[in-house]
């Protein structure tokens, strides 16, 4: 099994340490056999990195096929260079370019290597055939380049590299062209003496006999790379035992994509529908993930001006979430990851999708672990002895104008927030009218059950406002007018004023420290300022324990 080293974090191509070229050199020269996966564009290169490969083989065959032309230098070297640049920008792992014959004589190789170094390509492999090249698996007995002339190409390439770790691999085609083992060894030694960092010995036999013969005779004067496209049935451990340094899986991504695209196109054409295909192919969200849309959203939050007329948000995330046990020993539950993203990040992205970019988070337990970028942080250092109302009071100066208040442990579909922002009212609460359908919890503990002025029905139309009336603390008091507040509220300017005034009143009468938000809303209702209710029908959840964590993964 391949030994893979974790690649650097996605940080672009500039200023990486070590350089991509140094990592490619280490892969080829290292004590363990390395593996390179074929890619032909930015997307396939990202997929190779995502799969765990530590280097990419930028296949000439695959890039030509993706461009719809033959692997006969019909795509110019500058067109290939443009594809390589996209691949390099899309990944952090090194790329070894399939440089064919170098696109001409020694002078073309000099320019090629200089440009590859400029674009952050870690290495190139050039083959000792004539320009324009013909794919090695087409025909028999293809003519080889003069050995001395090809050595000149190698020297020219090494003299032209501006990156000291740039890797130049010399591909020996003697076995492919039927010239035999002795000629292959003679050329490999000559290329190594000319300065090649490694040799690639190529064969199109269906077994690895030629390769094994070469390895038995090779003196290990430089690393050896192989491409087992036709002799793929040979166990990889045999190559390892023979001393092969690196293996290239040379065209499998493009071949796999051709098969998948053919099947999909045929099915859609015949069925005139995509119903039978949708659950068998990648989602559009997967494309967005691979393209890095989330990073762009973070950049927009960092660099675009804030719309001062847009609502702001206050997220209450001060509690630990002790029911999650060891998962929250060093972080609060808002930082528990759901499919690779902290719960708080998912929540704030939902807020930002509706135009809310000014988000403040009230943190408490393990506050240093709550460190996502582009958020304002407010600390409730008394989180162990206070409740939600006291946490909200720490953000008192942000309770101005249109404001959304949300718990930090909830997930919900975006349409719920869109609708909440459109409902008229000073204070509007999102209340689940179908809470009884969530049969996984039969007790009222941990649920914000509230009594409303009118019951929910699936055909509910909000013609007359439904108002919050009181809190339900005992399940036996629940009736048809009961709903569950899902942990999100929207305030307009007057609503913010009402909340501020009530928080101050609670501070004065000594009830602030222990009160939750439902109690705050009940006090407002009792004082004649009942919040308005906006009914929802599921499509949300809160994460309190391991069971909720499992549901959250399904929710996504």
Protein backbone atom coordinates (compact mmCIF):
# COMPACT_ATOMS: atom_id res chain seq x y z
CA UNK A 1 0.00 0.00 0.00
CA UNK A 2 1.29 3.48 -0.85
CA UNK A 3 2.76 5.59 1.92
CA UNK A 4 1.30 9.06 1.45
CA UNK A 5 2.44 12.22 3.16
CA UNK A 6 -0.34 14.68 3.93
CA UNK A 7 -0.08 17.62 1.45
CA UNK A 8 0.16 21.19 2.63
CA UNK A 9 -3.05 23.02 3.46
CA UNK A 10 -4.71 24.77 0.55
CA UNK A 11 -2.78 28.00 0.50
CA UNK A 12 -2.11 28.73 -3.15
CA UNK A 13 1.15 28.23 -4.99
CA UNK A 14 3.23 31.11 -3.69
CA UNK A 15 5.40 30.90 -0.64
CA UNK A 16 4.85 27.17 -0.04
CA UNK A 17 7.43 25.40 2.08
CA UNK A 18 8.75 23.11 0.83
CA UNK A 19 8.31 23.93 -2.84
CA UNK A 20 6.25 21.61 -4.98
CA UNK A 21 9.37 20.67 -6.93
CA UNK A 22 11.15 19.65 -3.71
CA UNK A 23 8.19 17.45 -2.79
CA UNK A 24 8.19 15.79 -6.22
CA UNK A 25 11.93 15.17 -5.95
CA UNK A 26 11.43 13.64 -2.49
CA UNK A 27 8.65 11.41 -3.83
CA UNK A 28 10.81 10.08 -6.68
CA UNK A 29 14.04 9.81 -4.71
CA UNK A 30 12.56 8.69 -1.39
CA UNK A 31 12.92 5.27 0.24
CA UNK A 32 9.28 4.37 -0.39
CA UNK A 33 7.81 3.85 -3.85
CA UNK A 34 5.76 6.89 -4.85
CA UNK A 35 2.60 7.13 -6.92
CA UNK A 36 1.40 9.78 -9.40
CA UNK A 37 -2.20 9.98 -10.61
CA UNK A 38 -3.15 11.18 -14.06
CA UNK A 39 -5.04 14.45 -14.41
CA UNK A 40 -5.92 16.52 -17.43
CA UNK A 41 -7.55 19.68 -16.04
CA UNK A 42 -8.06 21.54 -12.78
CA UNK A 43 -11.02 19.40 -11.72
CA UNK A 44 -9.34 16.03 -12.23
CA UNK A 45 -6.19 17.35 -10.51
CA UNK A 46 -8.29 18.35 -7.47
CA UNK A 47 -9.91 14.92 -7.42
CA UNK A 48 -6.48 13.25 -7.49
CA UNK A 49 -5.39 15.34 -4.51
CA UNK A 50 -8.69 14.68 -2.72
CA UNK A 51 -8.15 10.93 -3.18
CA UNK A 52 -4.83 11.19 -1.32
CA UNK A 53 -2.24 11.23 -4.10
CA UNK A 54 0.85 13.31 -3.40
CA UNK A 55 1.63 14.13 -7.03
CA UNK A 56 -0.12 14.49 -10.39
CA UNK A 57 0.90 13.21 -13.81
CA UNK A 58 -0.27 15.77 -16.38
CA UNK A 59 -0.81 13.29 -19.20
CA UNK A 60 -0.32 14.46 -22.77
CA UNK A 61 -2.73 11.81 -24.01
CA UNK A 62 -5.40 12.84 -21.52
CA UNK A 63 -5.03 16.59 -22.06
CA UNK A 64 -5.20 16.06 -25.83
CA UNK A 65 -8.29 13.87 -25.47
CA UNK A 66 -9.97 16.42 -23.19
CA UNK A 67 -9.32 19.05 -25.88
CA UNK A 68 -10.75 16.72 -28.53
CA UNK A 69 -7.53 16.26 -30.53
CA UNK A 70 -5.03 13.47 -31.15
CA UNK A 71 -1.99 12.78 -28.99
CA UNK A 72 0.29 13.87 -31.83
CA UNK A 73 1.26 17.38 -30.69
CA UNK A 74 -1.93 18.75 -32.27
CA UNK A 75 -2.38 20.84 -29.13
CA UNK A 76 0.43 23.39 -29.00
CA UNK A 77 2.75 23.56 -26.01
CA UNK A 78 1.30 26.94 -25.05
CA UNK A 79 -2.22 25.46 -25.01
CA UNK A 80 -0.95 22.64 -22.78
CA UNK A 81 0.80 25.22 -20.59
CA UNK A 82 -2.52 27.02 -20.05
CA UNK A 83 -4.15 23.78 -18.88
CA UNK A 84 -1.20 23.15 -16.55
CA UNK A 85 -1.59 26.58 -15.00
CA UNK A 86 -5.20 25.84 -14.08
CA UNK A 87 -4.12 22.51 -12.60
CA UNK A 88 -1.36 24.13 -10.56
CA UNK A 89 -3.70 26.83 -9.25
CA UNK A 90 -6.30 24.24 -8.28
CA UNK A 91 -4.01 22.05 -6.18
CA UNK A 92 -1.17 22.11 -3.68
CA UNK A 93 0.50 18.87 -4.76
CA UNK A 94 3.31 18.81 -7.35
CA UNK A 95 2.70 18.20 -11.05
CA UNK A 96 4.97 16.20 -13.35
CA UNK A 97 4.23 17.27 -16.90
CA UNK A 98 4.18 14.86 -19.82
CA UNK A 99 6.39 16.97 -22.09
CA UNK A 100 6.29 14.62 -25.09
CA UNK A 101 9.53 15.14 -27.08
CA UNK A 102 10.06 18.66 -25.72
CA UNK A 103 8.13 20.23 -28.63
CA UNK A 104 11.18 20.59 -30.85
CA UNK A 105 14.93 20.75 -30.43
CA UNK A 106 17.09 21.81 -27.46
CA UNK A 107 15.97 25.44 -27.82
CA UNK A 108 12.30 24.51 -27.46
CA UNK A 109 13.15 22.48 -24.36
CA UNK A 110 14.98 25.46 -22.84
CA UNK A 111 11.94 27.68 -23.26
CA UNK A 112 9.57 24.95 -22.06
CA UNK A 113 11.49 24.33 -18.83
CA UNK A 114 11.82 28.05 -18.10
CA UNK A 115 8.09 28.56 -18.53
CA UNK A 116 7.21 25.52 -16.40
CA UNK A 117 9.35 26.88 -13.57
CA UNK A 118 7.59 30.24 -13.86
CA UNK A 119 4.16 28.56 -13.58
CA UNK A 120 5.03 26.44 -10.55
CA UNK A 121 5.13 23.08 -12.38
CA UNK A 122 7.39 20.73 -10.43
CA UNK A 123 8.87 18.71 -13.27
CA UNK A 124 8.70 17.50 -16.86
CA UNK A 125 9.20 14.19 -18.60
CA UNK A 126 10.53 14.21 -22.16
CA UNK A 127 10.80 11.15 -24.42
CA UNK A 128 13.47 10.18 -26.92
CA UNK A 129 11.30 10.09 -30.05
CA UNK A 130 10.90 12.49 -32.95
CA UNK A 131 8.72 15.61 -33.08
CA UNK A 132 5.79 15.55 -33.73
CA UNK A 133 5.36 12.55 -31.46
CA UNK A 134 3.12 9.55 -31.99
CA UNK A 135 1.55 7.86 -28.98
CA UNK A 136 3.64 4.89 -27.85
CA UNK A 137 0.75 2.45 -28.12
CA UNK A 138 0.06 3.19 -31.80
CA UNK A 139 1.82 1.09 -34.45
CA UNK A 140 5.19 -0.61 -34.16
CA UNK A 141 8.83 0.35 -34.47
CA UNK A 142 8.52 4.11 -34.08
CA UNK A 143 11.81 5.91 -34.86
CA UNK A 144 13.87 7.14 -31.91
CA UNK A 145 15.75 10.39 -31.58
CA UNK A 146 19.52 10.40 -31.93
CA UNK A 147 20.85 9.62 -28.46
CA UNK A 148 23.45 12.41 -28.46
CA UNK A 149 20.93 14.96 -29.64
CA UNK A 150 18.50 13.90 -26.89
CA UNK A 151 21.28 14.20 -24.31
CA UNK A 152 21.68 17.78 -25.54
CA UNK A 153 17.99 18.39 -24.83
CA UNK A 154 18.44 17.11 -21.29
CA UNK A 155 21.47 19.34 -20.70
CA UNK A 156 19.62 22.34 -22.15
CA UNK A 157 16.62 21.70 -19.91
CA UNK A 158 18.72 21.38 -16.75
CA UNK A 159 20.69 24.52 -17.62
CA UNK A 160 17.44 26.46 -18.11
CA UNK A 161 15.62 25.61 -14.90
CA UNK A 162 15.20 28.52 -12.51
CA UNK A 163 13.88 26.28 -9.75
CA UNK A 164 16.82 24.30 -8.27
CA UNK A 165 14.57 21.33 -7.41
CA UNK A 166 12.84 21.11 -10.80
CA UNK A 167 12.72 17.44 -11.84
CA UNK A 168 13.58 16.44 -15.40
CA UNK A 169 12.70 12.84 -16.24
CA UNK A 170 14.09 11.19 -19.39
CA UNK A 171 11.66 8.70 -20.93
CA UNK A 172 13.34 5.76 -22.68
CA UNK A 173 11.31 4.37 -25.61
CA UNK A 174 13.77 1.70 -26.77
CA UNK A 175 11.61 -1.18 -25.50
CA UNK A 176 8.48 0.33 -27.04
CA UNK A 177 10.19 0.61 -30.43
CA UNK A 178 11.63 -2.92 -30.34
CA UNK A 179 15.28 -1.94 -29.93
CA UNK A 180 15.81 -4.31 -27.00
CA UNK A 181 17.10 -4.23 -23.46
CA UNK A 182 20.74 -3.41 -24.25
CA UNK A 183 19.76 -0.26 -26.14
CA UNK A 184 17.35 0.74 -23.37
CA UNK A 185 20.11 0.45 -20.79
CA UNK A 186 22.62 2.27 -22.98
CA UNK A 187 20.27 5.18 -23.47
CA UNK A 188 19.17 5.29 -19.82
CA UNK A 189 22.78 5.55 -18.64
CA UNK A 190 23.54 8.24 -21.21
CA UNK A 191 20.53 10.28 -20.15
CA UNK A 192 21.46 9.98 -16.49
CA UNK A 193 25.00 11.16 -17.27
CA UNK A 194 23.55 14.08 -19.24
CA UNK A 195 21.78 15.26 -16.08
CA UNK A 196 18.37 13.59 -16.01
CA UNK A 197 17.01 13.36 -12.46
CA UNK A 198 15.25 10.06 -13.23
CA UNK A 199 14.56 7.75 -16.16
CA UNK A 200 11.18 6.43 -17.18
CA UNK A 201 11.44 3.02 -18.75
CA UNK A 202 8.42 2.30 -20.94
CA UNK A 203 6.94 -0.95 -22.21
CA UNK A 204 3.74 -1.94 -23.96
CA UNK A 205 3.88 -5.64 -23.23
CA UNK A 206 0.96 -7.12 -21.32
CA UNK A 207 3.32 -8.45 -18.65
CA UNK A 208 6.17 -6.80 -16.79
CA UNK A 209 8.96 -9.07 -18.06
CA UNK A 210 10.78 -6.28 -19.92
CA UNK A 211 10.54 -3.95 -16.94
CA UNK A 212 11.83 -6.58 -14.53
CA UNK A 213 14.72 -7.37 -16.85
CA UNK A 214 15.64 -3.70 -16.99
CA UNK A 215 15.50 -3.37 -13.20
CA UNK A 216 17.76 -6.40 -12.71
CA UNK A 217 20.40 -4.79 -14.94
CA UNK A 218 20.01 -1.21 -13.74
CA UNK A 219 22.76 0.10 -11.46
CA UNK A 220 20.57 2.48 -9.44
CA UNK A 221 22.52 5.48 -10.69
CA UNK A 222 19.24 7.43 -10.70
CA UNK A 223 15.57 6.71 -9.85
CA UNK A 224 13.38 4.69 -12.20
CA UNK A 225 9.77 5.54 -13.03
CA UNK A 226 7.33 3.14 -14.73
CA UNK A 227 3.89 3.37 -16.35
CA UNK A 228 2.04 0.02 -16.01
CA UNK A 229 -0.76 0.82 -18.45
CA UNK A 230 -0.61 -2.47 -20.33
CA UNK A 231 0.98 -4.69 -17.67
CA UNK A 232 -1.40 -3.55 -14.93
CA UNK A 233 -1.99 -7.13 -13.78
CA UNK A 234 1.46 -7.32 -12.19
CA UNK A 235 1.14 -6.93 -8.39
CA UNK A 236 2.47 -3.58 -7.25
CA UNK A 237 4.62 -5.21 -4.58
CA UNK A 238 6.66 -6.84 -7.35
CA UNK A 239 7.62 -3.38 -8.63
CA UNK A 240 8.48 -2.35 -5.10
CA UNK A 241 10.69 -5.40 -4.61
CA UNK A 242 12.41 -4.74 -7.92
CA UNK A 243 13.45 -1.26 -6.79
CA UNK A 244 11.07 0.87 -8.86
CA UNK A 245 10.97 4.37 -7.38
CA UNK A 246 7.68 5.71 -8.72
CA UNK A 247 4.59 4.45 -10.54
CA UNK A 248 2.41 6.59 -12.81
CA UNK A 249 -1.26 5.70 -13.29
CA UNK A 250 -1.22 7.44 -16.63
CA UNK A 251 -4.69 7.80 -18.17
CA UNK A 252 -7.27 6.31 -15.85
CA UNK A 253 -9.13 9.47 -14.85
CA UNK A 254 -9.87 10.45 -18.42
CA UNK A 255 -10.83 6.88 -19.34
CA UNK A 256 -13.16 6.61 -16.34
CA UNK A 257 -14.79 9.94 -17.21
CA UNK A 258 -15.34 8.87 -20.84
CA UNK A 259 -17.19 5.74 -19.70
CA UNK A 260 -19.30 7.67 -17.21
CA UNK A 261 -20.17 10.44 -19.67
CA UNK A 262 -21.13 7.92 -22.36
CA UNK A 263 -23.44 6.06 -20.00
CA UNK A 264 -25.04 9.28 -18.76
CA UNK A 265 -25.56 10.75 -22.23
CA UNK A 266 -27.01 7.49 -23.55
CA UNK A 267 -29.43 7.18 -20.63
CA UNK A 268 -30.63 10.78 -20.91
CA UNK A 269 -31.07 10.48 -24.68
CA UNK A 270 -33.03 7.25 -24.46
CA UNK A 271 -35.17 8.13 -21.44
CA UNK A 272 -35.60 11.84 -22.19
CA UNK A 273 -35.24 12.36 -18.47
CA UNK A 274 -32.57 12.53 -15.77
CA UNK A 275 -34.71 10.92 -13.05
CA UNK A 276 -32.91 7.58 -13.27
CA UNK A 277 -29.49 9.25 -13.22
CA UNK A 278 -29.60 11.88 -10.49
CA UNK A 279 -28.83 9.58 -7.57
CA UNK A 280 -25.88 8.01 -9.44
CA UNK A 281 -23.87 11.13 -10.27
CA UNK A 282 -22.12 13.89 -8.35
CA UNK A 283 -24.32 16.66 -7.04
CA UNK A 284 -24.06 20.27 -8.13
CA UNK A 285 -23.01 21.04 -4.55
CA UNK A 286 -20.07 18.67 -5.03
CA UNK A 287 -18.99 20.74 -8.02
CA UNK A 288 -19.24 23.90 -5.94
CA UNK A 289 -17.13 22.21 -3.23
CA UNK A 290 -14.42 21.17 -5.67
CA UNK A 291 -14.42 24.61 -7.28
CA UNK A 292 -13.88 26.28 -3.91
CA UNK A 293 -17.07 28.34 -3.75
CA UNK A 294 -16.87 28.42 0.06
CA UNK A 295 -13.50 30.19 -0.09
CA UNK A 296 -14.98 32.83 -2.40
CA UNK A 297 -17.79 33.43 0.08
CA UNK A 298 -15.27 33.92 2.88
CA UNK A 299 -13.32 36.33 0.67
CA UNK A 300 -16.47 38.32 -0.09
CA UNK A 301 -17.08 38.65 3.64
CA UNK A 302 -13.51 39.83 4.10
CA UNK A 303 -13.23 42.31 1.23
CA UNK A 304 -16.69 43.55 0.18
CA UNK A 305 -18.18 46.48 2.10
CA UNK A 306 -20.85 45.70 4.68
CA UNK A 307 -24.39 46.79 3.82
CA UNK A 308 -25.34 48.81 6.89
CA UNK A 309 -29.03 48.48 6.03
CA UNK A 310 -28.88 44.69 6.03
CA UNK A 311 -29.86 42.84 9.21
CA UNK A 312 -27.15 41.86 11.63
CA UNK A 313 -27.06 38.67 13.65
CA UNK A 314 -26.22 37.60 17.20
CA UNK A 315 -25.40 33.93 17.68
CA UNK A 316 -25.52 32.54 21.23
CA UNK A 317 -22.82 29.88 21.55
CA UNK A 318 -21.51 30.08 25.13
CA UNK A 319 -22.44 26.61 26.39
CA UNK A 320 -20.38 23.45 26.22
CA UNK A 321 -22.95 20.84 25.26
CA UNK A 322 -21.95 18.31 27.91
CA UNK A 323 -24.28 15.64 26.51
CA UNK A 324 -21.80 15.24 23.65
CA UNK A 325 -19.24 13.93 26.13
CA UNK A 326 -15.61 13.80 24.99
CA UNK A 327 -16.43 15.60 21.75
CA UNK A 328 -16.76 18.84 23.73
CA UNK A 329 -13.87 18.41 26.13
CA UNK A 330 -11.80 21.00 24.30
CA UNK A 331 -14.42 22.90 22.31
CA UNK A 332 -18.05 23.98 22.61
CA UNK A 333 -20.66 22.14 20.64
CA UNK A 334 -20.91 24.95 18.09
CA UNK A 335 -17.44 23.90 16.89
CA UNK A 336 -18.27 20.21 16.50
CA UNK A 337 -17.71 19.28 12.85
CA UNK A 338 -20.57 18.06 10.69
CA UNK A 339 -19.14 16.47 7.53
CA UNK A 340 -15.91 18.39 7.89
CA UNK A 341 -17.31 21.82 8.76
CA UNK A 342 -17.94 23.23 12.26
CA UNK A 343 -21.60 23.67 13.11
CA UNK A 344 -21.02 27.39 13.64
CA UNK A 345 -19.54 27.80 10.16
CA UNK A 346 -22.56 26.13 8.60
CA UNK A 347 -24.89 28.39 10.59
CA UNK A 348 -23.06 31.60 9.70
CA UNK A 349 -22.96 30.63 6.03
CA UNK A 350 -26.73 30.17 6.06
CA UNK A 351 -27.04 33.63 7.59
CA UNK A 352 -24.73 35.14 4.99
CA UNK A 353 -26.61 33.52 2.13
CA UNK A 354 -29.55 35.75 3.07
CA UNK A 355 -27.36 38.87 3.08
CA UNK A 356 -26.52 38.90 6.82
CA UNK A 357 -22.77 39.45 6.88
CA UNK A 358 -22.38 41.30 10.19
CA UNK A 359 -22.45 38.36 12.61
CA UNK A 360 -21.47 38.49 16.30
CA UNK A 361 -20.95 35.32 18.32
CA UNK A 362 -21.32 35.22 22.10
CA UNK A 363 -18.86 32.59 23.28
CA UNK A 364 -18.00 31.21 26.71
CA UNK A 365 -16.86 27.62 27.22
CA UNK A 366 -13.46 26.99 25.56
CA UNK A 367 -13.81 30.37 23.90
CA UNK A 368 -10.39 30.25 22.24
CA UNK A 369 -11.57 27.30 20.16
CA UNK A 370 -14.27 29.50 18.62
CA UNK A 371 -12.01 31.24 16.14
CA UNK A 372 -13.65 31.30 12.72
CA UNK A 373 -12.67 34.29 10.57
CA UNK A 374 -14.81 37.31 9.73
CA UNK A 375 -16.95 37.16 12.88
CA UNK A 376 -17.23 39.53 15.84
CA UNK A 377 -16.70 37.81 19.16
CA UNK A 378 -18.26 38.78 22.50
CA UNK A 379 -17.28 36.83 25.61
CA UNK A 380 -19.61 35.71 28.36
CA UNK A 381 -17.03 34.69 30.95
CA UNK A 382 -19.83 33.87 33.41
CA UNK A 383 -21.30 31.22 31.09
CA UNK A 384 -21.22 28.53 33.80
CA UNK A 385 -23.61 30.45 36.09
CA UNK A 386 -25.74 32.30 33.55
CA UNK A 387 -28.36 31.49 30.95
CA UNK A 388 -29.20 32.56 27.43
CA UNK A 389 -30.70 35.92 28.40
CA UNK A 390 -27.48 36.94 30.15
CA UNK A 391 -25.47 35.89 27.09
CA UNK A 392 -27.72 38.04 24.92
CA UNK A 393 -27.26 40.94 27.35
CA UNK A 394 -23.48 40.84 26.74
CA UNK A 395 -24.30 41.87 23.16
CA UNK A 396 -26.67 44.64 24.24
CA UNK A 397 -24.96 47.30 22.12
CA UNK A 398 -25.63 45.25 18.98
CA UNK A 399 -29.38 45.09 19.61
CA UNK A 400 -30.16 47.95 17.25
CA UNK A 401 -32.13 47.95 14.02
CA UNK A 402 -33.01 44.73 12.20
CA UNK A 403 -31.39 41.85 14.06
CA UNK A 404 -31.53 38.07 13.92
CA UNK A 405 -30.93 36.11 17.13
CA UNK A 406 -30.01 32.44 16.79
CA UNK A 407 -28.75 29.60 18.93
CA UNK A 408 -25.30 28.40 17.92
CA UNK A 409 -26.26 24.71 17.79
CA UNK A 410 -29.02 24.77 15.17
CA UNK A 411 -29.25 23.93 11.48
CA UNK A 412 -32.12 24.93 9.25
CA UNK A 413 -33.01 25.28 5.62
CA UNK A 414 -32.34 28.71 4.23
CA UNK A 415 -35.94 29.29 3.18
CA UNK A 416 -36.95 29.45 6.85
CA UNK A 417 -34.77 32.50 7.42
CA UNK A 418 -35.84 34.05 4.11
CA UNK A 419 -39.47 33.77 5.19
CA UNK A 420 -38.75 34.99 8.72
CA UNK A 421 -37.16 38.15 7.36
CA UNK A 422 -40.28 38.86 5.28
CA UNK A 423 -42.84 38.50 8.10
CA UNK A 424 -44.06 41.78 9.56
CA UNK A 425 -43.74 42.22 13.30
CA UNK A 426 -41.49 43.75 15.91
CA UNK A 427 -40.35 40.36 17.18
CA UNK A 428 -40.97 37.23 15.09
CA UNK A 429 -40.20 33.69 16.27
CA UNK A 430 -39.81 30.65 14.00
CA UNK A 431 -41.96 27.94 15.60
CA UNK A 432 -42.23 24.35 14.41
CA UNK A 433 -45.93 23.50 14.18
CA UNK A 434 -45.17 19.84 13.44
CA UNK A 435 -42.98 19.25 16.48
CA UNK A 436 -44.92 16.13 17.41
CA UNK A 437 -43.65 14.47 14.22
CA UNK A 438 -40.18 14.48 15.75
CA UNK A 439 -40.95 11.33 17.69
CA UNK A 440 -37.34 10.78 18.63
CA UNK A 441 -37.97 12.95 21.69
CA UNK A 442 -41.06 12.34 23.76
CA UNK A 443 -40.18 14.55 26.70
CA UNK A 444 -40.32 18.34 26.93
CA UNK A 445 -36.86 18.56 28.49
CA UNK A 446 -34.48 20.40 26.20
CA UNK A 447 -37.29 21.65 23.98
CA UNK A 448 -38.61 25.21 23.84
CA UNK A 449 -42.30 24.32 23.71
CA UNK A 450 -44.54 27.37 23.50
CA UNK A 451 -48.26 28.01 23.47
CA UNK A 452 -49.47 30.05 20.51
CA UNK A 453 -52.71 31.93 19.91
CA UNK A 454 -53.68 29.64 17.02
CA UNK A 455 -52.81 26.11 15.96
CA UNK A 456 -50.70 25.21 12.95
CA UNK A 457 -52.16 23.34 9.99
CA UNK A 458 -50.37 22.17 6.81
CA UNK A 459 -52.52 24.56 4.74
CA UNK A 460 -51.81 27.43 7.11
CA UNK A 461 -51.92 30.93 5.60
CA UNK A 462 -50.63 33.78 7.72
CA UNK A 463 -53.52 36.18 7.19
CA UNK A 464 -54.07 37.07 10.85
CA UNK A 465 -50.97 37.18 13.07
CA UNK A 466 -50.33 34.25 15.37
CA UNK A 467 -48.89 35.36 18.69
CA UNK A 468 -46.65 33.78 21.29
CA UNK A 469 -48.58 33.37 24.53
CA UNK A 470 -46.57 31.41 27.09
CA UNK A 471 -44.00 28.74 27.81
CA UNK A 472 -44.99 25.09 28.24
CA UNK A 473 -42.85 23.33 30.83
CA UNK A 474 -44.84 20.11 31.18
CA UNK A 475 -45.74 17.89 28.23
CA UNK A 476 -49.21 17.22 29.64
CA UNK A 477 -50.05 20.88 29.08
CA UNK A 478 -49.36 20.64 25.35
CA UNK A 479 -52.37 20.99 23.08
CA UNK A 480 -53.16 21.77 19.45
CA UNK A 481 -51.84 25.31 19.87
CA UNK A 482 -48.42 24.13 20.97
CA UNK A 483 -45.30 24.55 18.87
CA UNK A 484 -41.55 24.34 19.36
CA UNK A 485 -39.46 27.47 19.03
CA UNK A 486 -36.54 26.39 16.85
CA UNK A 487 -34.02 28.86 18.27
CA UNK A 488 -34.14 31.71 15.78
CA UNK A 489 -35.89 35.09 16.05
CA UNK A 490 -36.01 38.25 13.95
CA UNK A 491 -36.30 41.75 15.42
CA UNK A 492 -36.98 45.04 13.70
CA UNK A 493 -35.78 48.35 15.18
CA UNK A 494 -38.67 48.55 17.65
CA UNK A 495 -38.28 44.88 18.53
CA UNK A 496 -34.61 45.48 19.36
CA UNK A 497 -35.63 48.34 21.64
CA UNK A 498 -38.20 46.13 23.39
CA UNK A 499 -35.62 43.37 23.94
CA UNK A 500 -33.06 45.82 25.32
CA UNK A 501 -35.60 47.31 27.71
CA UNK A 502 -36.72 43.89 28.95
CA UNK A 503 -33.15 42.74 29.49
CA UNK A 504 -32.49 45.83 31.60
CA UNK A 505 -35.68 45.18 33.57
CA UNK A 506 -34.56 41.60 34.21
CA UNK A 507 -31.16 42.84 35.32
CA UNK A 508 -32.86 45.19 37.77
CA UNK A 509 -35.16 42.57 39.29
CA UNK A 510 -32.43 39.92 39.53
CA UNK A 511 -33.88 37.41 37.06
CA UNK A 512 -31.46 38.03 34.19
CA UNK A 513 -28.69 35.65 35.24
CA UNK A 514 -30.71 32.43 35.12
CA UNK A 515 -33.34 33.20 32.46
CA UNK A 516 -33.52 31.59 29.04
CA UNK A 517 -34.80 33.34 25.92
CA UNK A 518 -38.23 31.70 26.10
CA UNK A 519 -38.66 33.34 29.50
CA UNK A 520 -37.65 36.67 27.98
CA UNK A 521 -40.32 36.30 25.29
CA UNK A 522 -42.93 35.25 27.88
CA UNK A 523 -42.25 38.44 29.86
CA UNK A 524 -42.72 40.51 26.71
CA UNK A 525 -46.01 38.72 26.01
CA UNK A 526 -47.21 39.31 29.56
CA UNK A 527 -46.36 42.98 29.19
CA UNK A 528 -48.47 43.41 26.05
CA UNK A 529 -45.64 43.01 23.50
CA UNK A 530 -46.21 39.42 22.45
CA UNK A 531 -43.83 38.21 19.72
CA UNK A 532 -45.38 37.11 16.47
CA UNK A 533 -45.12 33.44 15.49
CA UNK A 534 -44.03 32.26 12.05
CA UNK A 535 -44.90 28.59 11.72
CA UNK A 536 -42.53 26.16 9.99
CA UNK A 537 -42.99 22.45 9.28
CA UNK A 538 -39.72 20.78 10.24
CA UNK A 539 -36.59 21.25 8.11
CA UNK A 540 -34.43 22.18 11.08
CA UNK A 541 -32.65 20.53 13.98
CA UNK A 542 -30.62 21.34 17.07
CA UNK A 543 -27.52 19.40 18.06
CA UNK A 544 -27.56 18.43 21.73
CA UNK A 545 -26.30 14.84 21.84
CA UNK A 546 -24.82 12.02 19.77
CA UNK A 547 -28.24 11.13 18.36
CA UNK A 548 -28.65 14.70 17.07
CA UNK A 549 -25.15 14.56 15.63
CA UNK A 550 -26.09 11.53 13.54
CA UNK A 551 -29.27 13.29 12.39
CA UNK A 552 -27.22 16.33 11.42
CA UNK A 553 -25.15 14.27 9.01
CA UNK A 554 -28.34 13.00 7.39
CA UNK A 555 -29.75 16.54 7.35
CA UNK A 556 -26.96 17.62 5.01
